[in-house]
Full PDB file with SEQRES, HELIX, SHEET, SSBOND, CRYST1, ORIGX, SCALE, CONECT and MASTER records, all heavy atoms in Angstrom:
SEQRES   1 A   40  MET GLU ASN PRO ASP ILE ASN ILE ALA SER ILE ALA ASN          
SEQRES   2 A   40  ASP MET ALA ALA GLU GLU TYR GLY LEU THR ILE VAL LYS          
SEQRES   3 A   40  GLN ASN ILE HIS ASP TYR GLU HIS ASN HIS THR LYS PHE          
SEQRES   4 A   40  ILE                                                          
HELIX    1 AA1 ASP A   14  TYR A   20  1                                   7    
CRYST1    1.000    1.000    1.000  90.00  90.00  90.00 P 1           1          
ORIGX1      1.000000  0.000000  0.000000        0.00000                         
ORIGX2      0.000000  1.000000  0.000000        0.00000                         
ORIGX3      0.000000  0.000000  1.000000        0.00000                         
SCALE1      1.000000  0.000000  0.000000        0.00000                         
SCALE2      0.000000  1.000000  0.000000        0.00000                         
SCALE3      0.000000  0.000000  1.000000        0.00000                         
ATOM      1  N   MET A   1    -127.593  50.869 -15.788  1.00  0.00           N  
ATOM      2  CA  MET A   1    -127.977  52.222 -15.565  1.00  0.00           C  
ATOM      3  C   MET A   1    -127.082  53.208 -16.331  1.00  0.00           C  
ATOM      4  O   MET A   1    -127.580  54.222 -16.891  1.00  0.00           O  
ATOM      5  CB  MET A   1    -127.888  52.559 -14.069  1.00  0.00           C  
ATOM      6  CG  MET A   1    -128.315  53.965 -13.673  1.00  0.00           C  
ATOM      7  SD  MET A   1    -126.872  55.119 -13.681  1.00  0.00           S  
ATOM      8  CE  MET A   1    -125.987  54.517 -12.273  1.00  0.00           C  
ATOM      9  N   GLU A   2    -125.823  52.924 -16.404  1.00  0.00           N  
ATOM     10  CA  GLU A   2    -124.850  53.814 -17.047  1.00  0.00           C  
ATOM     11  C   GLU A   2    -124.830  53.737 -18.570  1.00  0.00           C  
ATOM     12  O   GLU A   2    -124.156  54.475 -19.251  1.00  0.00           O  
ATOM     13  CB  GLU A   2    -123.446  53.592 -16.496  1.00  0.00           C  
ATOM     14  CG  GLU A   2    -123.316  53.930 -15.045  1.00  0.00           C  
ATOM     15  CD  GLU A   2    -121.936  53.600 -14.448  1.00  0.00           C  
ATOM     16  OE1 GLU A   2    -121.243  52.764 -15.110  1.00  0.00           O  
ATOM     17  OE2 GLU A   2    -121.581  54.138 -13.396  1.00  0.00           O  
ATOM     18  N   ASN A   3    -125.548  52.732 -19.115  1.00  0.00           N  
ATOM     19  CA  ASN A   3    -125.487  52.539 -20.596  1.00  0.00           C  
ATOM     20  C   ASN A   3    -126.895  52.396 -21.198  1.00  0.00           C  
ATOM     21  O   ASN A   3    -127.255  51.309 -21.731  1.00  0.00           O  
ATOM     22  CB  ASN A   3    -124.671  51.245 -20.904  1.00  0.00           C  
ATOM     23  CG  ASN A   3    -123.205  51.373 -20.533  1.00  0.00           C  
ATOM     24  OD1 ASN A   3    -122.430  51.935 -21.259  1.00  0.00           O  
ATOM     25  ND2 ASN A   3    -122.877  50.863 -19.365  1.00  0.00           N  
ATOM     26  N   PRO A   4    -127.686  53.445 -21.116  1.00  0.00           N  
ATOM     27  CA  PRO A   4    -129.051  53.372 -21.616  1.00  0.00           C  
ATOM     28  C   PRO A   4    -129.153  53.202 -23.164  1.00  0.00           C  
ATOM     29  O   PRO A   4    -130.195  52.799 -23.683  1.00  0.00           O  
ATOM     30  CB  PRO A   4    -129.680  54.685 -21.188  1.00  0.00           C  
ATOM     31  CG  PRO A   4    -128.495  55.640 -21.059  1.00  0.00           C  
ATOM     32  CD  PRO A   4    -127.389  54.785 -20.574  1.00  0.00           C  
ATOM     33  N   ASP A   5    -128.079  53.475 -23.798  1.00  0.00           N  
ATOM     34  CA  ASP A   5    -128.069  53.406 -25.285  1.00  0.00           C  
ATOM     35  C   ASP A   5    -127.698  51.976 -25.788  1.00  0.00           C  
ATOM     36  O   ASP A   5    -127.730  51.737 -27.003  1.00  0.00           O  
ATOM     37  CB  ASP A   5    -127.030  54.374 -25.869  1.00  0.00           C  
ATOM     38  CG  ASP A   5    -125.659  54.235 -25.318  1.00  0.00           C  
ATOM     39  OD1 ASP A   5    -125.515  53.848 -24.106  1.00  0.00           O  
ATOM     40  OD2 ASP A   5    -124.701  54.495 -26.026  1.00  0.00           O  
ATOM     41  N   ILE A   6    -127.432  51.096 -24.853  1.00  0.00           N  
ATOM     42  CA  ILE A   6    -127.073  49.717 -25.230  1.00  0.00           C  
ATOM     43  C   ILE A   6    -128.209  48.764 -24.759  1.00  0.00           C  
ATOM     44  O   ILE A   6    -128.765  48.941 -23.722  1.00  0.00           O  
ATOM     45  CB  ILE A   6    -125.748  49.257 -24.563  1.00  0.00           C  
ATOM     46  CG1 ILE A   6    -124.620  50.212 -24.993  1.00  0.00           C  
ATOM     47  CG2 ILE A   6    -125.387  47.845 -25.024  1.00  0.00           C  
ATOM     48  CD1 ILE A   6    -123.285  49.923 -24.340  1.00  0.00           C  
ATOM     49  N   ASN A   7    -128.552  47.799 -25.613  1.00  0.00           N  
ATOM     50  CA  ASN A   7    -129.644  46.865 -25.242  1.00  0.00           C  
ATOM     51  C   ASN A   7    -129.150  45.759 -24.340  1.00  0.00           C  
ATOM     52  O   ASN A   7    -128.805  44.661 -24.772  1.00  0.00           O  
ATOM     53  CB  ASN A   7    -130.213  46.258 -26.542  1.00  0.00           C  
ATOM     54  CG  ASN A   7    -130.971  47.294 -27.364  1.00  0.00           C  
ATOM     55  OD1 ASN A   7    -131.411  48.335 -26.891  1.00  0.00           O  
ATOM     56  ND2 ASN A   7    -131.074  46.993 -28.653  1.00  0.00           N  
ATOM     57  N   ILE A   8    -129.057  46.108 -23.035  1.00  0.00           N  
ATOM     58  CA  ILE A   8    -128.574  45.133 -22.077  1.00  0.00           C  
ATOM     59  C   ILE A   8    -129.529  45.067 -20.889  1.00  0.00           C  
ATOM     60  O   ILE A   8    -130.331  45.954 -20.690  1.00  0.00           O  
ATOM     61  CB  ILE A   8    -127.160  45.444 -21.567  1.00  0.00           C  
ATOM     62  CG1 ILE A   8    -127.098  46.896 -20.941  1.00  0.00           C  
ATOM     63  CG2 ILE A   8    -126.163  45.313 -22.725  1.00  0.00           C  
ATOM     64  CD1 ILE A   8    -125.761  47.222 -20.346  1.00  0.00           C  
ATOM     65  N   ALA A   9    -129.415  43.998 -20.106  1.00  0.00           N  
ATOM     66  CA  ALA A   9    -130.238  43.829 -18.921  1.00  0.00           C  
ATOM     67  C   ALA A   9    -129.365  43.217 -17.806  1.00  0.00           C  
ATOM     68  O   ALA A   9    -128.200  42.796 -18.076  1.00  0.00           O  
ATOM     69  CB  ALA A   9    -131.433  42.898 -19.213  1.00  0.00           C  
ATOM     70  N   SER A  10    -129.915  43.144 -16.623  1.00  0.00           N  
ATOM     71  CA  SER A  10    -129.147  42.576 -15.515  1.00  0.00           C  
ATOM     72  C   SER A  10    -130.039  41.761 -14.624  1.00  0.00           C  
ATOM     73  O   SER A  10    -131.269  41.882 -14.645  1.00  0.00           O  
ATOM     74  CB  SER A  10    -128.488  43.695 -14.674  1.00  0.00           C  
ATOM     75  OG  SER A  10    -129.459  44.467 -14.027  1.00  0.00           O  
ATOM     76  N   ILE A  11    -129.395  40.914 -13.848  1.00  0.00           N  
ATOM     77  CA  ILE A  11    -130.087  40.122 -12.787  1.00  0.00           C  
ATOM     78  C   ILE A  11    -129.504  40.621 -11.432  1.00  0.00           C  
ATOM     79  O   ILE A  11    -128.278  40.566 -11.243  1.00  0.00           O  
ATOM     80  CB  ILE A  11    -129.845  38.645 -12.967  1.00  0.00           C  
ATOM     81  CG1 ILE A  11    -130.480  38.141 -14.229  1.00  0.00           C  
ATOM     82  CG2 ILE A  11    -130.361  37.878 -11.806  1.00  0.00           C  
ATOM     83  CD1 ILE A  11    -130.211  36.708 -14.602  1.00  0.00           C  
ATOM     84  N   ALA A  12    -130.345  41.099 -10.533  1.00  0.00           N  
ATOM     85  CA  ALA A  12    -129.911  41.629  -9.270  1.00  0.00           C  
ATOM     86  C   ALA A  12    -131.048  41.641  -8.300  1.00  0.00           C  
ATOM     87  O   ALA A  12    -132.147  41.166  -8.612  1.00  0.00           O  
ATOM     88  CB  ALA A  12    -129.310  43.040  -9.489  1.00  0.00           C  
ATOM     89  N   ASN A  13    -130.827  42.225  -7.130  1.00  0.00           N  
ATOM     90  CA  ASN A  13    -131.912  42.280  -6.092  1.00  0.00           C  
ATOM     91  C   ASN A  13    -132.660  43.593  -6.200  1.00  0.00           C  
ATOM     92  O   ASN A  13    -132.244  44.509  -6.954  1.00  0.00           O  
ATOM     93  CB  ASN A  13    -131.288  42.075  -4.693  1.00  0.00           C  
ATOM     94  CG  ASN A  13    -130.270  43.140  -4.295  1.00  0.00           C  
ATOM     95  OD1 ASN A  13    -130.452  44.316  -4.480  1.00  0.00           O  
ATOM     96  ND2 ASN A  13    -129.127  42.679  -3.774  1.00  0.00           N  
ATOM     97  N   ASP A  14    -133.724  43.738  -5.447  1.00  0.00           N  
ATOM     98  CA  ASP A  14    -134.542  44.908  -5.542  1.00  0.00           C  
ATOM     99  C   ASP A  14    -133.893  46.149  -4.944  1.00  0.00           C  
ATOM    100  O   ASP A  14    -134.195  47.258  -5.350  1.00  0.00           O  
ATOM    101  CB  ASP A  14    -135.932  44.693  -4.897  1.00  0.00           C  
ATOM    102  CG  ASP A  14    -135.877  44.067  -3.527  1.00  0.00           C  
ATOM    103  OD1 ASP A  14    -134.745  43.879  -2.991  1.00  0.00           O  
ATOM    104  OD2 ASP A  14    -136.941  43.718  -2.980  1.00  0.00           O  
ATOM    105  N   MET A  15    -132.901  45.924  -4.057  1.00  0.00           N  
ATOM    106  CA  MET A  15    -132.138  47.070  -3.552  1.00  0.00           C  
ATOM    107  C   MET A  15    -131.350  47.679  -4.634  1.00  0.00           C  
ATOM    108  O   MET A  15    -131.183  48.939  -4.731  1.00  0.00           O  
ATOM    109  CB  MET A  15    -131.209  46.566  -2.411  1.00  0.00           C  
ATOM    110  CG  MET A  15    -130.559  47.675  -1.612  1.00  0.00           C  
ATOM    111  SD  MET A  15    -129.483  46.912  -0.322  1.00  0.00           S  
ATOM    112  CE  MET A  15    -129.130  48.351   0.675  1.00  0.00           C  
ATOM    113  N   ALA A  16    -130.756  46.849  -5.564  1.00  0.00           N  
ATOM    114  CA  ALA A  16    -130.024  47.330  -6.710  1.00  0.00           C  
ATOM    115  C   ALA A  16    -130.903  48.137  -7.688  1.00  0.00           C  
ATOM    116  O   ALA A  16    -130.523  49.167  -8.203  1.00  0.00           O  
ATOM    117  CB  ALA A  16    -129.289  46.227  -7.379  1.00  0.00           C  
ATOM    118  N   ALA A  17    -132.087  47.618  -7.871  1.00  0.00           N  
ATOM    119  CA  ALA A  17    -133.023  48.276  -8.744  1.00  0.00           C  
ATOM    120  C   ALA A  17    -133.387  49.657  -8.239  1.00  0.00           C  
ATOM    121  O   ALA A  17    -133.422  50.675  -8.982  1.00  0.00           O  
ATOM    122  CB  ALA A  17    -134.331  47.453  -8.915  1.00  0.00           C  
ATOM    123  N   GLU A  18    -133.605  49.753  -6.939  1.00  0.00           N  
ATOM    124  CA  GLU A  18    -133.875  51.026  -6.301  1.00  0.00           C  
ATOM    125  C   GLU A  18    -132.687  51.969  -6.391  1.00  0.00           C  
ATOM    126  O   GLU A  18    -132.763  53.177  -6.720  1.00  0.00           O  
ATOM    127  CB  GLU A  18    -134.265  50.841  -4.859  1.00  0.00           C  
ATOM    128  CG  GLU A  18    -134.595  52.128  -4.138  1.00  0.00           C  
ATOM    129  CD  GLU A  18    -134.871  51.890  -2.666  1.00  0.00           C  
ATOM    130  OE1 GLU A  18    -135.113  50.768  -2.261  1.00  0.00           O  
ATOM    131  OE2 GLU A  18    -134.885  52.889  -1.895  1.00  0.00           O  
ATOM    132  N   GLU A  19    -131.530  51.469  -6.059  1.00  0.00           N  
ATOM    133  CA  GLU A  19    -130.284  52.253  -5.973  1.00  0.00           C  
ATOM    134  C   GLU A  19    -129.909  52.850  -7.371  1.00  0.00           C  
ATOM    135  O   GLU A  19    -129.500  54.032  -7.484  1.00  0.00           O  
ATOM    136  CB  GLU A  19    -129.101  51.442  -5.416  1.00  0.00           C  
ATOM    137  CG  GLU A  19    -127.795  52.092  -5.394  1.00  0.00           C  
ATOM    138  CD  GLU A  19    -127.729  53.139  -4.288  1.00  0.00           C  
ATOM    139  OE1 GLU A  19    -128.375  52.957  -3.212  1.00  0.00           O  
ATOM    140  OE2 GLU A  19    -126.999  54.152  -4.423  1.00  0.00           O  
ATOM    141  N   TYR A  20    -130.098  52.055  -8.415  1.00  0.00           N  
ATOM    142  CA  TYR A  20    -129.643  52.487  -9.740  1.00  0.00           C  
ATOM    143  C   TYR A  20    -130.783  52.841 -10.666  1.00  0.00           C  
ATOM    144  O   TYR A  20    -130.589  53.034 -11.899  1.00  0.00           O  
ATOM    145  CB  TYR A  20    -128.758  51.377 -10.335  1.00  0.00           C  
ATOM    146  CG  TYR A  20    -127.523  51.113  -9.500  1.00  0.00           C  
ATOM    147  CD1 TYR A  20    -127.381  49.972  -8.776  1.00  0.00           C  
ATOM    148  CD2 TYR A  20    -126.508  52.075  -9.427  1.00  0.00           C  
ATOM    149  CE1 TYR A  20    -126.283  49.726  -7.978  1.00  0.00           C  
ATOM    150  CE2 TYR A  20    -125.372  51.833  -8.612  1.00  0.00           C  
ATOM    151  CZ  TYR A  20    -125.254  50.695  -7.897  1.00  0.00           C  
ATOM    152  OH  TYR A  20    -124.200  50.474  -7.107  1.00  0.00           O  
ATOM    153  N   GLY A  21    -131.981  52.935 -10.154  1.00  0.00           N  
ATOM    154  CA  GLY A  21    -133.107  53.460 -10.931  1.00  0.00           C  
ATOM    155  C   GLY A  21    -133.535  52.533 -12.126  1.00  0.00           C  
ATOM    156  O   GLY A  21    -133.905  53.032 -13.183  1.00  0.00           O  
ATOM    157  N   LEU A  22    -133.468  51.234 -11.930  1.00  0.00           N  
ATOM    158  CA  LEU A  22    -133.876  50.328 -12.992  1.00  0.00           C  
ATOM    159  C   LEU A  22    -135.288  49.815 -12.795  1.00  0.00           C  
ATOM    160  O   LEU A  22    -135.873  49.961 -11.672  1.00  0.00           O  
ATOM    161  CB  LEU A  22    -132.931  49.112 -12.977  1.00  0.00           C  
ATOM    162  CG  LEU A  22    -131.448  49.398 -13.236  1.00  0.00           C  
ATOM    163  CD1 LEU A  22    -130.634  48.143 -13.333  1.00  0.00           C  
ATOM    164  CD2 LEU A  22    -131.240  50.290 -14.435  1.00  0.00           C  
ATOM    165  N   THR A  23    -135.856  49.314 -13.807  1.00  0.00           N  
ATOM    166  CA  THR A  23    -137.242  48.763 -13.819  1.00  0.00           C  
ATOM    167  C   THR A  23    -137.176  47.250 -13.731  1.00  0.00           C  
ATOM    168  O   THR A  23    -136.525  46.579 -14.556  1.00  0.00           O  
ATOM    169  CB  THR A  23    -137.984  49.179 -15.079  1.00  0.00           C  
ATOM    170  OG1 THR A  23    -138.060  50.621 -15.117  1.00  0.00           O  
ATOM    171  CG2 THR A  23    -139.414  48.601 -15.017  1.00  0.00           C  
ATOM    172  N   ILE A  24    -137.829  46.670 -12.703  1.00  0.00           N  
ATOM    173  CA  ILE A  24    -137.875  45.215 -12.585  1.00  0.00           C  
ATOM    174  C   ILE A  24    -138.976  44.737 -13.517  1.00  0.00           C  
ATOM    175  O   ILE A  24    -140.102  45.013 -13.380  1.00  0.00           O  
ATOM    176  CB  ILE A  24    -138.167  44.838 -11.108  1.00  0.00           C  
ATOM    177  CG1 ILE A  24    -136.987  45.257 -10.217  1.00  0.00           C  
ATOM    178  CG2 ILE A  24    -138.396  43.306 -11.030  1.00  0.00           C  
ATOM    179  CD1 ILE A  24    -137.232  44.901  -8.756  1.00  0.00           C  
ATOM    180  N   VAL A  25    -138.529  43.934 -14.517  1.00  0.00           N  
ATOM    181  CA  VAL A  25    -139.460  43.400 -15.495  1.00  0.00           C  
ATOM    182  C   VAL A  25    -140.137  42.123 -14.932  1.00  0.00           C  
ATOM    183  O   VAL A  25    -141.314  41.874 -15.151  1.00  0.00           O  
ATOM    184  CB  VAL A  25    -138.728  43.111 -16.816  1.00  0.00           C  
ATOM    185  CG1 VAL A  25    -139.693  42.481 -17.827  1.00  0.00           C  
ATOM    186  CG2 VAL A  25    -138.162  44.375 -17.359  1.00  0.00           C  
ATOM    187  N   LYS A  26    -139.316  41.314 -14.289  1.00  0.00           N  
ATOM    188  CA  LYS A  26    -139.861  40.067 -13.719  1.00  0.00           C  
ATOM    189  C   LYS A  26    -139.183  39.829 -12.373  1.00  0.00           C  
ATOM    190  O   LYS A  26    -137.960  39.801 -12.342  1.00  0.00           O  
ATOM    191  CB  LYS A  26    -139.719  38.874 -14.638  1.00  0.00           C  
ATOM    192  CG  LYS A  26    -140.472  37.662 -14.202  1.00  0.00           C  
ATOM    193  CD  LYS A  26    -140.554  36.600 -15.249  1.00  0.00           C  
ATOM    194  CE  LYS A  26    -141.433  35.440 -14.758  1.00  0.00           C  
ATOM    195  NZ  LYS A  26    -141.572  34.398 -15.808  1.00  0.00           N  
ATOM    196  N   GLN A  27    -139.982  39.597 -11.331  1.00  0.00           N  
ATOM    197  CA  GLN A  27    -139.443  39.297 -10.013  1.00  0.00           C  
ATOM    198  C   GLN A  27    -139.237  37.844  -9.786  1.00  0.00           C  
ATOM    199  O   GLN A  27    -139.861  36.943 -10.420  1.00  0.00           O  
ATOM    200  CB  GLN A  27    -140.435  39.841  -8.971  1.00  0.00           C  
ATOM    201  CG  GLN A  27    -140.568  41.346  -8.911  1.00  0.00           C  
ATOM    202  CD  GLN A  27    -141.447  41.802  -7.771  1.00  0.00           C  
ATOM    203  OE1 GLN A  27    -142.542  41.252  -7.607  1.00  0.00           O  
ATOM    204  NE2 GLN A  27    -141.050  42.774  -7.049  1.00  0.00           N  
ATOM    205  N   ASN A  28    -138.367  37.538  -8.809  1.00  0.00           N  
ATOM    206  CA  ASN A  28    -138.157  36.173  -8.322  1.00  0.00           C  
ATOM    207  C   ASN A  28    -137.941  35.193  -9.500  1.00  0.00           C  
ATOM    208  O   ASN A  28    -138.681  34.227  -9.655  1.00  0.00           O  
ATOM    209  CB  ASN A  28    -139.335  35.738  -7.490  1.00  0.00           C  
ATOM    210  CG  ASN A  28    -139.511  36.628  -6.263  1.00  0.00           C  
ATOM    211  OD1 ASN A  28    -138.534  37.110  -5.692  1.00  0.00           O  
ATOM    212  ND2 ASN A  28    -140.731  36.905  -5.898  1.00  0.00           N  
ATOM    213  N   ILE A  29    -136.923  35.398 -10.243  1.00  0.00           N  
ATOM    214  CA  ILE A  29    -136.630  34.548 -11.373  1.00  0.00           C  
ATOM    215  C   ILE A  29    -135.661  33.379 -11.018  1.00  0.00           C  
ATOM    216  O   ILE A  29    -135.243  32.636 -11.876  1.00  0.00           O  
ATOM    217  CB  ILE A  29    -135.988  35.357 -12.553  1.00  0.00           C  
ATOM    218  CG1 ILE A  29    -134.662  35.951 -12.148  1.00  0.00           C  
ATOM    219  CG2 ILE A  29    -136.986  36.434 -12.999  1.00  0.00           C  
ATOM    220  CD1 ILE A  29    -133.924  36.546 -13.344  1.00  0.00           C  
ATOM    221  N   HIS A  30    -135.254  33.325  -9.742  1.00  0.00           N  
ATOM    222  CA  HIS A  30    -134.357  32.250  -9.359  1.00  0.00           C  
ATOM    223  C   HIS A  30    -135.022  30.900  -9.419  1.00  0.00           C  
ATOM    224  O   HIS A  30    -136.221  30.738  -9.275  1.00  0.00           O  
ATOM    225  CB  HIS A  30    -133.912  32.505  -7.884  1.00  0.00           C  
ATOM    226  CG  HIS A  30    -134.947  33.081  -7.012  1.00  0.00           C  
ATOM    227  ND1 HIS A  30    -135.245  34.421  -6.900  1.00  0.00           N  
ATOM    228  CD2 HIS A  30    -135.845  32.456  -6.186  1.00  0.00           C  
ATOM    229  CE1 HIS A  30    -136.232  34.614  -6.031  1.00  0.00           C  
ATOM    230  NE2 HIS A  30    -136.623  33.433  -5.609  1.00  0.00           N  
ATOM    231  N   ASP A  31    -134.219  29.888  -9.648  1.00  0.00           N  
ATOM    232  CA  ASP A  31    -134.712  28.509  -9.836  1.00  0.00           C  
ATOM    233  C   ASP A  31    -135.266  27.928  -8.552  1.00  0.00           C  
ATOM    234  O   ASP A  31    -136.255  27.129  -8.613  1.00  0.00           O  
ATOM    235  CB  ASP A  31    -133.591  27.589 -10.372  1.00  0.00           C  
ATOM    236  CG  ASP A  31    -133.106  28.032 -11.739  1.00  0.00           C  
ATOM    237  OD1 ASP A  31    -133.775  28.774 -12.367  1.00  0.00           O  
ATOM    238  OD2 ASP A  31    -131.988  27.565 -12.131  1.00  0.00           O  
ATOM    239  N   TYR A  32    -134.668  28.239  -7.433  1.00  0.00           N  
ATOM    240  CA  TYR A  32    -135.087  27.619  -6.162  1.00  0.00           C  
ATOM    241  C   TYR A  32    -135.514  28.660  -5.151  1.00  0.00           C  
ATOM    242  O   TYR A  32    -134.862  29.685  -4.956  1.00  0.00           O  
ATOM    243  CB  TYR A  32    -133.907  26.805  -5.594  1.00  0.00           C  
ATOM    244  CG  TYR A  32    -133.464  25.700  -6.527  1.00  0.00           C  
ATOM    245  CD1 TYR A  32    -132.373  25.899  -7.411  1.00  0.00           C  
ATOM    246  CD2 TYR A  32    -134.052  24.480  -6.591  1.00  0.00           C  
ATOM    247  CE1 TYR A  32    -131.907  24.937  -8.268  1.00  0.00           C  
ATOM    248  CE2 TYR A  32    -133.655  23.461  -7.490  1.00  0.00           C  
ATOM    249  CZ  TYR A  32    -132.594  23.739  -8.316  1.00  0.00           C  
ATOM    250  OH  TYR A  32    -132.191  22.727  -9.158  1.00  0.00           O  
ATOM    251  N   GLU A  33    -136.643  28.384  -4.484  1.00  0.00           N  
ATOM    252  CA  GLU A  33    -137.217  29.351  -3.574  1.00  0.00           C  
ATOM    253  C   GLU A  33    -136.480  29.429  -2.221  1.00  0.00           C  
ATOM    254  O   GLU A  33    -136.630  30.463  -1.551  1.00  0.00           O  
ATOM    255  CB  GLU A  33    -138.653  28.953  -3.290  1.00  0.00           C  
ATOM    256  CG  GLU A  33    -139.579  29.112  -4.502  1.00  0.00           C  
ATOM    257  CD  GLU A  33    -139.712  30.557  -4.941  1.00  0.00           C  
ATOM    258  OE1 GLU A  33    -139.663  31.456  -4.065  1.00  0.00           O  
ATOM    259  OE2 GLU A  33    -139.751  30.802  -6.175  1.00  0.00           O  
ATOM    260  N   HIS A  34    -135.711  28.453  -1.858  1.00  0.00           N  
ATOM    261  CA  HIS A  34    -135.116  28.441  -0.536  1.00  0.00           C  
ATOM    262  C   HIS A  34    -133.606  28.767  -0.558  1.00  0.00           C  
ATOM    263  O   HIS A  34    -132.880  28.294   0.326  1.00  0.00           O  
ATOM    264  CB  HIS A  34    -135.402  27.050   0.119  1.00  0.00           C  
ATOM    265  CG  HIS A  34    -136.849  26.761   0.201  1.00  0.00           C  
ATOM    266  ND1 HIS A  34    -137.720  27.444   0.988  1.00  0.00           N  
ATOM    267  CD2 HIS A  34    -137.586  25.848  -0.464  1.00  0.00           C  
ATOM    268  CE1 HIS A  34    -138.904  26.917   0.869  1.00  0.00           C  
ATOM    269  NE2 HIS A  34    -138.874  25.959  -0.015  1.00  0.00           N  
ATOM    270  N   ASN A  35    -133.200  29.522  -1.495  1.00  0.00           N  
ATOM    271  CA  ASN A  35    -131.787  29.923  -1.538  1.00  0.00           C  
ATOM    272  C   ASN A  35    -131.480  30.984  -0.505  1.00  0.00           C  
ATOM    273  O   ASN A  35    -132.214  31.995  -0.415  1.00  0.00           O  
ATOM    274  CB  ASN A  35    -131.416  30.394  -2.961  1.00  0.00           C  
ATOM    275  CG  ASN A  35    -129.917  30.609  -3.122  1.00  0.00           C  
ATOM    276  OD1 ASN A  35    -129.097  30.088  -2.336  1.00  0.00           O  
ATOM    277  ND2 ASN A  35    -129.576  31.424  -4.093  1.00  0.00           N  
ATOM    278  N   HIS A  36    -130.415  30.802   0.239  1.00  0.00           N  
ATOM    279  CA  HIS A  36    -129.989  31.772   1.224  1.00  0.00           C  
ATOM    280  C   HIS A  36    -128.429  31.917   1.192  1.00  0.00           C  
ATOM    281  O   HIS A  36    -127.754  30.971   0.738  1.00  0.00           O  
ATOM    282  CB  HIS A  36    -130.398  31.336   2.666  1.00  0.00           C  
ATOM    283  CG  HIS A  36    -131.864  31.433   2.882  1.00  0.00           C  
ATOM    284  ND1 HIS A  36    -132.786  30.515   2.365  1.00  0.00           N  
ATOM    285  CD2 HIS A  36    -132.620  32.319   3.627  1.00  0.00           C  
ATOM    286  CE1 HIS A  36    -133.981  30.853   2.744  1.00  0.00           C  
ATOM    287  NE2 HIS A  36    -133.937  31.964   3.520  1.00  0.00           N  
ATOM    288  N   THR A  37    -127.938  32.996   1.667  1.00  0.00           N  
ATOM    289  CA  THR A  37    -126.572  33.213   1.842  1.00  0.00           C  
ATOM    290  C   THR A  37    -126.228  33.619   3.255  1.00  0.00           C  
ATOM    291  O   THR A  37    -126.959  34.419   3.873  1.00  0.00           O  
ATOM    292  CB  THR A  37    -126.015  34.315   0.867  1.00  0.00           C  
ATOM    293  OG1 THR A  37    -126.142  33.866  -0.461  1.00  0.00           O  
ATOM    294  CG2 THR A  37    -124.542  34.612   1.137  1.00  0.00           C  
ATOM    295  N   LYS A  38    -125.190  33.019   3.822  1.00  0.00           N  
ATOM    296  CA  LYS A  38    -124.719  33.353   5.127  1.00  0.00           C  
ATOM    297  C   LYS A  38    -123.513  34.361   5.051  1.00  0.00           C  
ATOM    298  O   LYS A  38    -122.665  34.148   4.186  1.00  0.00           O  
ATOM    299  CB  LYS A  38    -124.286  32.114   5.877  1.00  0.00           C  
ATOM    300  CG  LYS A  38    -125.412  31.224   6.348  1.00  0.00           C  
ATOM    301  CD  LYS A  38    -124.848  30.034   7.142  1.00  0.00           C  
ATOM    302  CE  LYS A  38    -126.025  29.118   7.599  1.00  0.00           C  
ATOM    303  NZ  LYS A  38    -125.509  27.925   8.345  1.00  0.00           N  
ATOM    304  N   PHE A  39    -123.488  35.253   5.916  1.00  0.00           N  
ATOM    305  CA  PHE A  39    -122.416  36.205   6.036  1.00  0.00           C  
ATOM    306  C   PHE A  39    -121.887  36.199   7.459  1.00  0.00           C  
ATOM    307  O   PHE A  39    -122.679  35.934   8.408  1.00  0.00           O  
ATOM    308  CB  PHE A  39    -122.898  37.660   5.738  1.00  0.00           C  
ATOM    309  CG  PHE A  39    -123.485  37.835   4.348  1.00  0.00           C  
ATOM    310  CD1 PHE A  39    -124.834  37.483   4.084  1.00  0.00           C  
ATOM    311  CD2 PHE A  39    -122.720  38.348   3.336  1.00  0.00           C  
ATOM    312  CE1 PHE A  39    -125.348  37.635   2.833  1.00  0.00           C  
ATOM    313  CE2 PHE A  39    -123.261  38.494   2.017  1.00  0.00           C  
ATOM    314  CZ  PHE A  39    -124.594  38.125   1.787  1.00  0.00           C  
ATOM    315  N   ILE A  40    -120.619  36.463   7.623  1.00  0.00           N  
ATOM    316  CA  ILE A  40    -120.018  36.534   8.938  1.00  0.00           C  
ATOM    317  C   ILE A  40    -119.522  37.934   9.244  1.00  0.00           C  
ATOM    318  O   ILE A  40    -119.116  38.638   8.284  1.00  0.00           O  
ATOM    319  CB  ILE A  40    -118.901  35.507   9.140  1.00  0.00           C  
ATOM    320  CG1 ILE A  40    -117.771  35.652   8.090  1.00  0.00           C  
ATOM    321  CG2 ILE A  40    -119.455  34.074   9.153  1.00  0.00           C  
ATOM    322  CD1 ILE A  40    -116.551  34.896   8.403  1.00  0.00           C  
TER     323      ILE A  40                                                      
MASTER        0    0    0    1    0    0    0    6  322    1    0    4          
END                                                                             
């Protein structure tokens, strides 16, 4: 978001796309559908 003049891209979640005003080109690019993270 901060470097529109540079040809770069990112991998992140849809919350980040919304927060930083990015365009999602392709959704769900992860290799495995059942990936989860636990938090405490």
